[in-house]
Amino acid sequence: MRVIAFPAGALCARPGTDPELFFPDDTAPDYPARVAAARRVCADCPVRAACLADRMRWEPTGSRFGVVAGTTPDERDALADPGHSGQVDAA
């Protein structure tokens, strides 16, 4: 099992940030609101690009979980698709 390490300077790793925020239940009615809350943290993170690049190196398509660098598992699956443009709408 891989241990997920947060890059130095990651806003999600700061004291007071609830780590559960980044692992919303995609079957829950509040899923969109929880994803939006996680994305707000990621939006200003100084290591967002490094975080996403690291996760994309090892996270297997179809087995992704959580909000990472403001992206959902489906969005990261799309990024891993060789025919994808490289753009993700993580607004």
PDB file of N, CA and C in Angstrom:
ATOM      1  N   MET A   1       0.844  -1.186   0.000  1.00  0.00           N
ATOM      2  CA  MET A   1       0.000   0.000   0.000  1.00  0.00           C
ATOM      3  C   MET A   1       0.885   1.243   0.000  1.00  0.00           C
ATOM      4  N   ARG A   2       0.549   2.198  -0.823  1.00  0.00           N
ATOM      5  CA  ARG A   2       1.320   3.440  -0.909  1.00  0.00           C
ATOM      6  C   ARG A   2       0.825   4.410   0.161  1.00  0.00           C
ATOM      7  N   VAL A   3       1.751   5.033   0.844  1.00  0.00           N
ATOM      8  CA  VAL A   3       1.424   6.085   1.804  1.00  0.00           C
ATOM      9  C   VAL A   3       1.439   7.402   1.047  1.00  0.00           C
ATOM     10  N   ILE A   4       0.351   8.139   1.156  1.00  0.00           N
ATOM     11  CA  ILE A   4       0.262   9.413   0.455  1.00  0.00           C
ATOM     12  C   ILE A   4       0.945  10.478   1.302  1.00  0.00           C
ATOM     13  N   ALA A   5       1.944  11.109   0.730  1.00  0.00           N
ATOM     14  CA  ALA A   5       2.657  12.186   1.413  1.00  0.00           C
ATOM     15  C   ALA A   5       2.273  13.505   0.763  1.00  0.00           C
ATOM     16  N   PHE A   6       2.080  14.510   1.574  1.00  0.00           N
ATOM     17  CA  PHE A   6       1.747  15.832   1.055  1.00  0.00           C
ATOM     18  C   PHE A   6       3.030  16.582   0.765  1.00  0.00           C
ATOM     19  N   PRO A   7       3.111  17.228  -0.398  1.00  0.00           N
ATOM     20  CA  PRO A   7       4.315  18.012  -0.693  1.00  0.00           C
ATOM     21  C   PRO A   7       4.511  19.131   0.329  1.00  0.00           C
ATOM     22  N   ALA A   8       5.753  19.454   0.601  1.00  0.00           N
ATOM     23  CA  ALA A   8       6.050  20.556   1.524  1.00  0.00           C
ATOM     24  C   ALA A   8       5.376  21.821   1.014  1.00  0.00           C
ATOM     25  N   GLY A   9       4.702  22.515   1.902  1.00  0.00           N
ATOM     26  CA  GLY A   9       4.017  23.749   1.542  1.00  0.00           C
ATOM     27  C   GLY A   9       2.579  23.561   1.108  1.00  0.00           C
ATOM     28  N   ALA A  10       2.111  22.324   1.065  1.00  0.00           N
ATOM     29  CA  ALA A  10       0.736  22.055   0.625  1.00  0.00           C
ATOM     30  C   ALA A  10      -0.269  22.649   1.608  1.00  0.00           C
ATOM     31  N   LEU A  11      -1.228  23.394   1.087  1.00  0.00           N
ATOM     32  CA  LEU A  11      -2.240  24.006   1.948  1.00  0.00           C
ATOM     33  C   LEU A  11      -3.114  22.955   2.633  1.00  0.00           C
ATOM     34  N   CYS A  12      -3.308  21.811   1.990  1.00  0.00           N
ATOM     35  CA  CYS A  12      -4.143  20.764   2.582  1.00  0.00           C
ATOM     36  C   CYS A  12      -3.505  20.149   3.821  1.00  0.00           C
ATOM     37  N   ALA A  13      -2.197  20.303   3.984  1.00  0.00           N
ATOM     38  CA  ALA A  13      -1.498  19.718   5.116  1.00  0.00           C
ATOM     39  C   ALA A  13      -1.344  20.684   6.292  1.00  0.00           C
ATOM     40  N   ARG A  14      -1.859  21.880   6.145  1.00  0.00           N
ATOM     41  CA  ARG A  14      -1.738  22.861   7.229  1.00  0.00           C
ATOM     42  C   ARG A  14      -2.632  22.500   8.406  1.00  0.00           C
ATOM     43  N   PRO A  15      -2.199  22.813   9.619  1.00  0.00           N
ATOM     44  CA  PRO A  15      -3.044  22.570  10.791  1.00  0.00           C
ATOM     45  C   PRO A  15      -4.400  23.255  10.630  1.00  0.00           C
ATOM     46  N   GLY A  16      -5.426  22.553  11.016  1.00  0.00           N
ATOM     47  CA  GLY A  16      -6.765  23.105  10.937  1.00  0.00           C
ATOM     48  C   GLY A  16      -7.514  22.738   9.676  1.00  0.00           C
ATOM     49  N   THR A  17      -6.813  22.193   8.676  1.00  0.00           N
ATOM     50  CA  THR A  17      -7.481  21.754   7.456  1.00  0.00           C
ATOM     51  C   THR A  17      -7.893  20.297   7.647  1.00  0.00           C
ATOM     52  N   ASP A  18      -9.188  20.031   7.494  1.00  0.00           N
ATOM     53  CA  ASP A  18      -9.724  18.691   7.685  1.00  0.00           C
ATOM     54  C   ASP A  18      -9.343  17.808   6.506  1.00  0.00           C
ATOM     55  N   PRO A  19      -8.540  16.774   6.715  1.00  0.00           N
ATOM     56  CA  PRO A  19      -8.146  15.909   5.607  1.00  0.00           C
ATOM     57  C   PRO A  19      -9.327  15.182   4.964  1.00  0.00           C
ATOM     58  N   GLU A  20     -10.379  14.968   5.717  1.00  0.00           N
ATOM     59  CA  GLU A  20     -11.562  14.293   5.172  1.00  0.00           C
ATOM     60  C   GLU A  20     -12.222  15.115   4.067  1.00  0.00           C
ATOM     61  N   LEU A  21     -11.967  16.397   4.057  1.00  0.00           N
ATOM     62  CA  LEU A  21     -12.519  17.269   3.033  1.00  0.00           C
ATOM     63  C   LEU A  21     -12.129  16.795   1.630  1.00  0.00           C
ATOM     64  N   PHE A  22     -10.964  16.194   1.509  1.00  0.00           N
ATOM     65  CA  PHE A  22     -10.421  15.789   0.218  1.00  0.00           C
ATOM     66  C   PHE A  22     -10.837  14.377  -0.200  1.00  0.00           C
ATOM     67  N   PHE A  23     -11.674  13.744   0.623  1.00  0.00           N
ATOM     68  CA  PHE A  23     -12.140  12.396   0.325  1.00  0.00           C
ATOM     69  C   PHE A  23     -13.652  12.307   0.486  1.00  0.00           C
ATOM     70  N   PRO A  24     -14.391  13.120  -0.298  1.00  0.00           N
ATOM     71  CA  PRO A  24     -15.843  13.113  -0.177  1.00  0.00           C
ATOM     72  C   PRO A  24     -16.442  11.820  -0.734  1.00  0.00           C
ATOM     73  N   ASP A  25     -17.566  11.430  -0.175  1.00  0.00           N
ATOM     74  CA  ASP A  25     -18.304  10.257  -0.637  1.00  0.00           C
ATOM     75  C   ASP A  25     -19.060  10.641  -1.903  1.00  0.00           C
ATOM     76  N   ASP A  26     -18.682  10.045  -3.033  1.00  0.00           N
ATOM     77  CA  ASP A  26     -19.297  10.447  -4.298  1.00  0.00           C
ATOM     78  C   ASP A  26     -20.751   9.998  -4.440  1.00  0.00           C
ATOM     79  N   THR A  27     -21.277   9.267  -3.464  1.00  0.00           N
ATOM     80  CA  THR A  27     -22.686   8.890  -3.483  1.00  0.00           C
ATOM     81  C   THR A  27     -23.529   9.769  -2.564  1.00  0.00           C
ATOM     82  N   ALA A  28     -22.873  10.646  -1.817  1.00  0.00           N
ATOM     83  CA  ALA A  28     -23.587  11.509  -0.868  1.00  0.00           C
ATOM     84  C   ALA A  28     -24.173  12.725  -1.570  1.00  0.00           C
ATOM     85  N   PRO A  29     -25.321  13.201  -1.073  1.00  0.00           N
ATOM     86  CA  PRO A  29     -25.940  14.368  -1.706  1.00  0.00           C
ATOM     87  C   PRO A  29     -25.077  15.631  -1.633  1.00  0.00           C
ATOM     88  N   ASP A  30     -24.185  15.715  -0.651  1.00  0.00           N
ATOM     89  CA  ASP A  30     -23.350  16.910  -0.515  1.00  0.00           C
ATOM     90  C   ASP A  30     -22.023  16.791  -1.279  1.00  0.00           C
ATOM     91  N   TYR A  31     -21.885  15.779  -2.134  1.00  0.00           N
ATOM     92  CA  TYR A  31     -20.641  15.576  -2.877  1.00  0.00           C
ATOM     93  C   TYR A  31     -20.204  16.832  -3.641  1.00  0.00           C
ATOM     94  N   PRO A  32     -21.089  17.457  -4.433  1.00  0.00           N
ATOM     95  CA  PRO A  32     -20.644  18.655  -5.162  1.00  0.00           C
ATOM     96  C   PRO A  32     -20.144  19.772  -4.245  1.00  0.00           C
ATOM     97  N   ALA A  33     -20.803  19.967  -3.121  1.00  0.00           N
ATOM     98  CA  ALA A  33     -20.390  21.022  -2.194  1.00  0.00           C
ATOM     99  C   ALA A  33     -19.045  20.688  -1.552  1.00  0.00           C
ATOM    100  N   ARG A  34     -18.828  19.423  -1.238  1.00  0.00           N
ATOM    101  CA  ARG A  34     -17.556  19.021  -0.625  1.00  0.00           C
ATOM    102  C   ARG A  34     -16.402  19.125  -1.631  1.00  0.00           C
ATOM    103  N   VAL A  35     -16.673  18.758  -2.866  1.00  0.00           N
ATOM    104  CA  VAL A  35     -15.639  18.901  -3.908  1.00  0.00           C
ATOM    105  C   VAL A  35     -15.308  20.378  -4.087  1.00  0.00           C
ATOM    106  N   ALA A  36     -16.329  21.220  -4.110  1.00  0.00           N
ATOM    107  CA  ALA A  36     -16.105  22.666  -4.266  1.00  0.00           C
ATOM    108  C   ALA A  36     -15.275  23.209  -3.103  1.00  0.00           C
ATOM    109  N   ALA A  37     -15.539  22.735  -1.892  1.00  0.00           N
ATOM    110  CA  ALA A  37     -14.771  23.195  -0.729  1.00  0.00           C
ATOM    111  C   ALA A  37     -13.308  22.763  -0.839  1.00  0.00           C
ATOM    112  N   ALA A  38     -13.073  21.542  -1.262  1.00  0.00           N
ATOM    113  CA  ALA A  38     -11.693  21.065  -1.438  1.00  0.00           C
ATOM    114  C   ALA A  38     -10.992  21.863  -2.536  1.00  0.00           C
ATOM    115  N   ARG A  39     -11.709  22.143  -3.607  1.00  0.00           N
ATOM    116  CA  ARG A  39     -11.122  22.913  -4.708  1.00  0.00           C
ATOM    117  C   ARG A  39     -10.736  24.325  -4.271  1.00  0.00           C
ATOM    118  N   ARG A  40     -11.488  24.893  -3.353  1.00  0.00           N
ATOM    119  CA  ARG A  40     -11.131  26.235  -2.859  1.00  0.00           C
ATOM    120  C   ARG A  40      -9.782  26.203  -2.150  1.00  0.00           C
ATOM    121  N   VAL A  41      -9.514  25.138  -1.416  1.00  0.00           N
ATOM    122  CA  VAL A  41      -8.208  25.011  -0.757  1.00  0.00           C
ATOM    123  C   VAL A  41      -7.120  24.839  -1.813  1.00  0.00           C
ATOM    124  N   CYS A  42      -7.360  23.959  -2.766  1.00  0.00           N
ATOM    125  CA  CYS A  42      -6.360  23.665  -3.795  1.00  0.00           C
ATOM    126  C   CYS A  42      -6.089  24.859  -4.719  1.00  0.00           C
ATOM    127  N   ALA A  43      -7.083  25.689  -4.930  1.00  0.00           N
ATOM    128  CA  ALA A  43      -6.970  26.785  -5.899  1.00  0.00           C
ATOM    129  C   ALA A  43      -5.774  27.695  -5.646  1.00  0.00           C
ATOM    130  N   ASP A  44      -5.467  27.965  -4.395  1.00  0.00           N
ATOM    131  CA  ASP A  44      -4.374  28.882  -4.058  1.00  0.00           C
ATOM    132  C   ASP A  44      -3.120  28.165  -3.580  1.00  0.00           C
ATOM    133  N   CYS A  45      -3.086  26.858  -3.711  1.00  0.00           N
ATOM    134  CA  CYS A  45      -1.962  26.089  -3.183  1.00  0.00           C
ATOM    135  C   CYS A  45      -0.716  26.283  -4.046  1.00  0.00           C
ATOM    136  N   PRO A  46       0.414  26.604  -3.414  1.00  0.00           N
ATOM    137  CA  PRO A  46       1.640  26.845  -4.169  1.00  0.00           C
ATOM    138  C   PRO A  46       2.253  25.579  -4.770  1.00  0.00           C
ATOM    139  N   VAL A  47       1.827  24.402  -4.335  1.00  0.00           N
ATOM    140  CA  VAL A  47       2.398  23.155  -4.860  1.00  0.00           C
ATOM    141  C   VAL A  47       1.353  22.340  -5.632  1.00  0.00           C
ATOM    142  N   ARG A  48       0.318  23.010  -6.093  1.00  0.00           N
ATOM    143  CA  ARG A  48      -0.774  22.325  -6.790  1.00  0.00           C
ATOM    144  C   ARG A  48      -0.273  21.513  -7.991  1.00  0.00           C
ATOM    145  N   ALA A  49       0.535  22.106  -8.830  1.00  0.00           N
ATOM    146  CA  ALA A  49       1.028  21.415 -10.030  1.00  0.00           C
ATOM    147  C   ALA A  49       1.881  20.206  -9.652  1.00  0.00           C
ATOM    148  N   ALA A  50       2.761  20.362  -8.679  1.00  0.00           N
ATOM    149  CA  ALA A  50       3.609  19.251  -8.242  1.00  0.00           C
ATOM    150  C   ALA A  50       2.771  18.133  -7.630  1.00  0.00           C
ATOM    151  N   CYS A  51       1.743  18.510  -6.895  1.00  0.00           N
ATOM    152  CA  CYS A  51       0.849  17.545  -6.272  1.00  0.00           C
ATOM    153  C   CYS A  51       0.166  16.698  -7.349  1.00  0.00           C
ATOM    154  N   LEU A  52      -0.382  17.354  -8.360  1.00  0.00           N
ATOM    155  CA  LEU A  52      -1.068  16.644  -9.426  1.00  0.00           C
ATOM    156  C   LEU A  52      -0.091  15.768 -10.214  1.00  0.00           C
ATOM    157  N   ALA A  53       1.066  16.298 -10.531  1.00  0.00           N
ATOM    158  CA  ALA A  53       2.057  15.529 -11.294  1.00  0.00           C
ATOM    159  C   ALA A  53       2.467  14.276 -10.536  1.00  0.00           C
ATOM    160  N   ASP A  54       2.694  14.404  -9.233  1.00  0.00           N
ATOM    161  CA  ASP A  54       3.075  13.244  -8.433  1.00  0.00           C
ATOM    162  C   ASP A  54       1.974  12.196  -8.442  1.00  0.00           C
ATOM    163  N   ARG A  55       0.753  12.617  -8.202  1.00  0.00           N
ATOM    164  CA  ARG A  55      -0.353  11.657  -8.150  1.00  0.00           C
ATOM    165  C   ARG A  55      -0.567  10.987  -9.507  1.00  0.00           C
ATOM    166  N   MET A  56      -0.431  11.722 -10.579  1.00  0.00           N
ATOM    167  CA  MET A  56      -0.638  11.148 -11.910  1.00  0.00           C
ATOM    168  C   MET A  56       0.436  10.113 -12.251  1.00  0.00           C
ATOM    169  N   ARG A  57       1.611  10.224 -11.635  1.00  0.00           N
ATOM    170  CA  ARG A  57       2.692   9.259 -11.900  1.00  0.00           C
ATOM    171  C   ARG A  57       2.373   7.872 -11.374  1.00  0.00           C
ATOM    172  N   TRP A  58       1.649   7.781 -10.259  1.00  0.00           N
ATOM    173  CA  TRP A  58       1.469   6.471  -9.646  1.00  0.00           C
ATOM    174  C   TRP A  58       0.024   6.011  -9.481  1.00  0.00           C
ATOM    175  N   GLU A  59      -0.939   6.908  -9.544  1.00  0.00           N
ATOM    176  CA  GLU A  59      -2.323   6.513  -9.273  1.00  0.00           C
ATOM    177  C   GLU A  59      -2.924   5.816 -10.498  1.00  0.00           C
ATOM    178  N   PRO A  60      -3.374   4.569 -10.370  1.00  0.00           N
ATOM    179  CA  PRO A  60      -3.884   3.843 -11.534  1.00  0.00           C
ATOM    180  C   PRO A  60      -5.256   4.333 -11.993  1.00  0.00           C
ATOM    181  N   THR A  61      -5.420   4.450 -13.299  1.00  0.00           N
ATOM    182  CA  THR A  61      -6.698   4.820 -13.889  1.00  0.00           C
ATOM    183  C   THR A  61      -7.753   3.825 -13.431  1.00  0.00           C
ATOM    184  N   GLY A  62      -8.920   4.354 -13.069  1.00  0.00           N
ATOM    185  CA  GLY A  62     -10.013   3.504 -12.605  1.00  0.00           C
ATOM    186  C   GLY A  62      -9.959   3.202 -11.123  1.00  0.00           C
ATOM    187  N   SER A  63      -8.853   3.521 -10.475  1.00  0.00           N
ATOM    188  CA  SER A  63      -8.707   3.285  -9.032  1.00  0.00           C
ATOM    189  C   SER A  63      -8.349   4.570  -8.305  1.00  0.00           C
ATOM    190  N   ARG A  64      -8.717   5.680  -8.868  1.00  0.00           N
ATOM    191  CA  ARG A  64      -8.387   6.977  -8.277  1.00  0.00           C
ATOM    192  C   ARG A  64      -9.396   7.312  -7.183  1.00  0.00           C
ATOM    193  N   PHE A  65      -8.974   8.136  -6.242  1.00  0.00           N
ATOM    194  CA  PHE A  65      -9.866   8.532  -5.166  1.00  0.00           C
ATOM    195  C   PHE A  65      -9.485   9.914  -4.674  1.00  0.00           C
ATOM    196  N   GLY A  66     -10.469  10.624  -4.168  1.00  0.00           N
ATOM    197  CA  GLY A  66     -10.232  11.914  -3.536  1.00  0.00           C
ATOM    198  C   GLY A  66     -10.025  13.063  -4.505  1.00  0.00           C
ATOM    199  N   VAL A  67     -10.055  14.249  -3.932  1.00  0.00           N
ATOM    200  CA  VAL A  67      -9.778  15.481  -4.676  1.00  0.00           C
ATOM    201  C   VAL A  67      -8.287  15.764  -4.521  1.00  0.00           C
ATOM    202  N   VAL A  68      -7.604  15.864  -5.641  1.00  0.00           N
ATOM    203  CA  VAL A  68      -6.159  16.097  -5.659  1.00  0.00           C
ATOM    204  C   VAL A  68      -5.893  17.276  -6.576  1.00  0.00           C
ATOM    205  N   ALA A  69      -5.229  18.287  -6.054  1.00  0.00           N
ATOM    206  CA  ALA A  69      -4.895  19.476  -6.845  1.00  0.00           C
ATOM    207  C   ALA A  69      -6.144  20.054  -7.505  1.00  0.00           C
ATOM    208  N   GLY A  70      -7.261  19.932  -6.834  1.00  0.00           N
ATOM    209  CA  GLY A  70      -8.509  20.480  -7.335  1.00  0.00           C
ATOM    210  C   GLY A  70      -9.199  19.626  -8.381  1.00  0.00           C
ATOM    211  N   THR A  71      -8.730  18.405  -8.588  1.00  0.00           N
ATOM    212  CA  THR A  71      -9.332  17.527  -9.587  1.00  0.00           C
ATOM    213  C   THR A  71      -9.992  16.322  -8.928  1.00  0.00           C
ATOM    214  N   THR A  72     -11.064  15.853  -9.544  1.00  0.00           N
ATOM    215  CA  THR A  72     -11.762  14.654  -9.080  1.00  0.00           C
ATOM    216  C   THR A  72     -11.131  13.425  -9.737  1.00  0.00           C
ATOM    217  N   PRO A  73     -11.464  12.239  -9.235  1.00  0.00           N
ATOM    218  CA  PRO A  73     -10.944  11.026  -9.874  1.00  0.00           C
ATOM    219  C   PRO A  73     -11.301  10.941 -11.362  1.00  0.00           C
ATOM    220  N   ASP A  74     -12.520  11.286 -11.731  1.00  0.00           N
ATOM    221  CA  ASP A  74     -12.911  11.247 -13.152  1.00  0.00           C
ATOM    222  C   ASP A  74     -12.090  12.223 -13.983  1.00  0.00           C
ATOM    223  N   GLU A  75     -11.815  13.383 -13.432  1.00  0.00           N
ATOM    224  CA  GLU A  75     -11.007  14.370 -14.158  1.00  0.00           C
ATOM    225  C   GLU A  75      -9.575  13.876 -14.340  1.00  0.00           C
ATOM    226  N   ARG A  76      -9.029  13.207 -13.317  1.00  0.00           N
ATOM    227  CA  ARG A  76      -7.670  12.666 -13.456  1.00  0.00           C
ATOM    228  C   ARG A  76      -7.647  11.496 -14.442  1.00  0.00           C
ATOM    229  N   ASP A  77      -8.718  10.697 -14.479  1.00  0.00           N
ATOM    230  CA  ASP A  77      -8.798   9.640 -15.493  1.00  0.00           C
ATOM    231  C   ASP A  77      -8.757  10.259 -16.886  1.00  0.00           C
ATOM    232  N   ALA A  78      -9.494  11.362 -17.075  1.00  0.00           N
ATOM    233  CA  ALA A  78      -9.502  12.045 -18.370  1.00  0.00           C
ATOM    234  C   ALA A  78      -8.114  12.584 -18.712  1.00  0.00           C
ATOM    235  N   LEU A  79      -7.415  13.122 -17.728  1.00  0.00           N
ATOM    236  CA  LEU A  79      -6.060  13.628 -17.971  1.00  0.00           C
ATOM    237  C   LEU A  79      -5.107  12.506 -18.362  1.00  0.00           C
ATOM    238  N   ALA A  80      -5.331  11.319 -17.842  1.00  0.00           N
ATOM    239  CA  ALA A  80      -4.457  10.182 -18.139  1.00  0.00           C
ATOM    240  C   ALA A  80      -4.712   9.613 -19.528  1.00  0.00           C
ATOM    241  N   ASP A  81      -5.826   9.980 -20.138  1.00  0.00           N
ATOM    242  CA  ASP A  81      -6.175   9.518 -21.484  1.00  0.00           C
ATOM    243  C   ASP A  81      -5.232  10.177 -22.481  1.00  0.00           C
ATOM    244  N   PRO A  82      -4.488   9.378 -23.250  1.00  0.00           N
ATOM    245  CA  PRO A  82      -3.511   9.957 -24.181  1.00  0.00           C
ATOM    246  C   PRO A  82      -4.119  10.913 -25.207  1.00  0.00           C
ATOM    247  N   GLY A  83      -5.393  10.777 -25.512  1.00  0.00           N
ATOM    248  CA  GLY A  83      -6.027  11.663 -26.486  1.00  0.00           C
ATOM    249  C   GLY A  83      -6.624  12.906 -25.885  1.00  0.00           C
ATOM    250  N   HIS A  84      -6.429  13.089 -24.568  1.00  0.00           N
ATOM    251  CA  HIS A  84      -7.011  14.245 -23.875  1.00  0.00           C
ATOM    252  C   HIS A  84      -6.194  15.492 -24.117  1.00  0.00           C
ATOM    253  N   SER A  85      -6.858  16.630 -24.148  1.00  0.00           N
ATOM    254  CA  SER A  85      -6.212  17.903 -24.464  1.00  0.00           C
ATOM    255  C   SER A  85      -5.299  18.420 -23.345  1.00  0.00           C
ATOM    256  N   GLY A  86      -5.439  17.858 -22.134  1.00  0.00           N
ATOM    257  CA  GLY A  86      -4.637  18.344 -21.017  1.00  0.00           C
ATOM    258  C   GLY A  86      -5.320  19.385 -20.193  1.00  0.00           C
ATOM    259  N   GLN A  87      -6.528  19.785 -20.577  1.00  0.00           N
ATOM    260  CA  GLN A  87      -7.292  20.789 -19.838  1.00  0.00           C
ATOM    261  C   GLN A  87      -8.353  20.112 -18.993  1.00  0.00           C
ATOM    262  N   VAL A  88      -8.475  20.547 -17.755  1.00  0.00           N
ATOM    263  CA  VAL A  88      -9.521  20.068 -16.860  1.00  0.00           C
ATOM    264  C   VAL A  88     -10.217  21.266 -16.292  1.00  0.00           C
ATOM    265  N   ASP A  89     -11.538  21.252 -16.307  1.00  0.00           N
ATOM    266  CA  ASP A  89     -12.308  22.331 -15.712  1.00  0.00           C
ATOM    267  C   ASP A  89     -12.476  22.051 -14.236  1.00  0.00           C
ATOM    268  N   ALA A  90     -11.590  22.597 -13.418  1.00  0.00           N
ATOM    269  CA  ALA A  90     -11.621  22.372 -11.976  1.00  0.00           C
ATOM    270  C   ALA A  90     -12.115  23.609 -11.248  1.00  0.00           C
ATOM    271  N   ALA A  91     -13.033  24.304 -11.844  1.00  0.00           N
ATOM    272  CA  ALA A  91     -13.555  25.541 -11.236  1.00  0.00           C
ATOM    273  C   ALA A  91     -14.527  25.257 -10.134  1.00  0.00           C
TER     274      ALA A  91
END
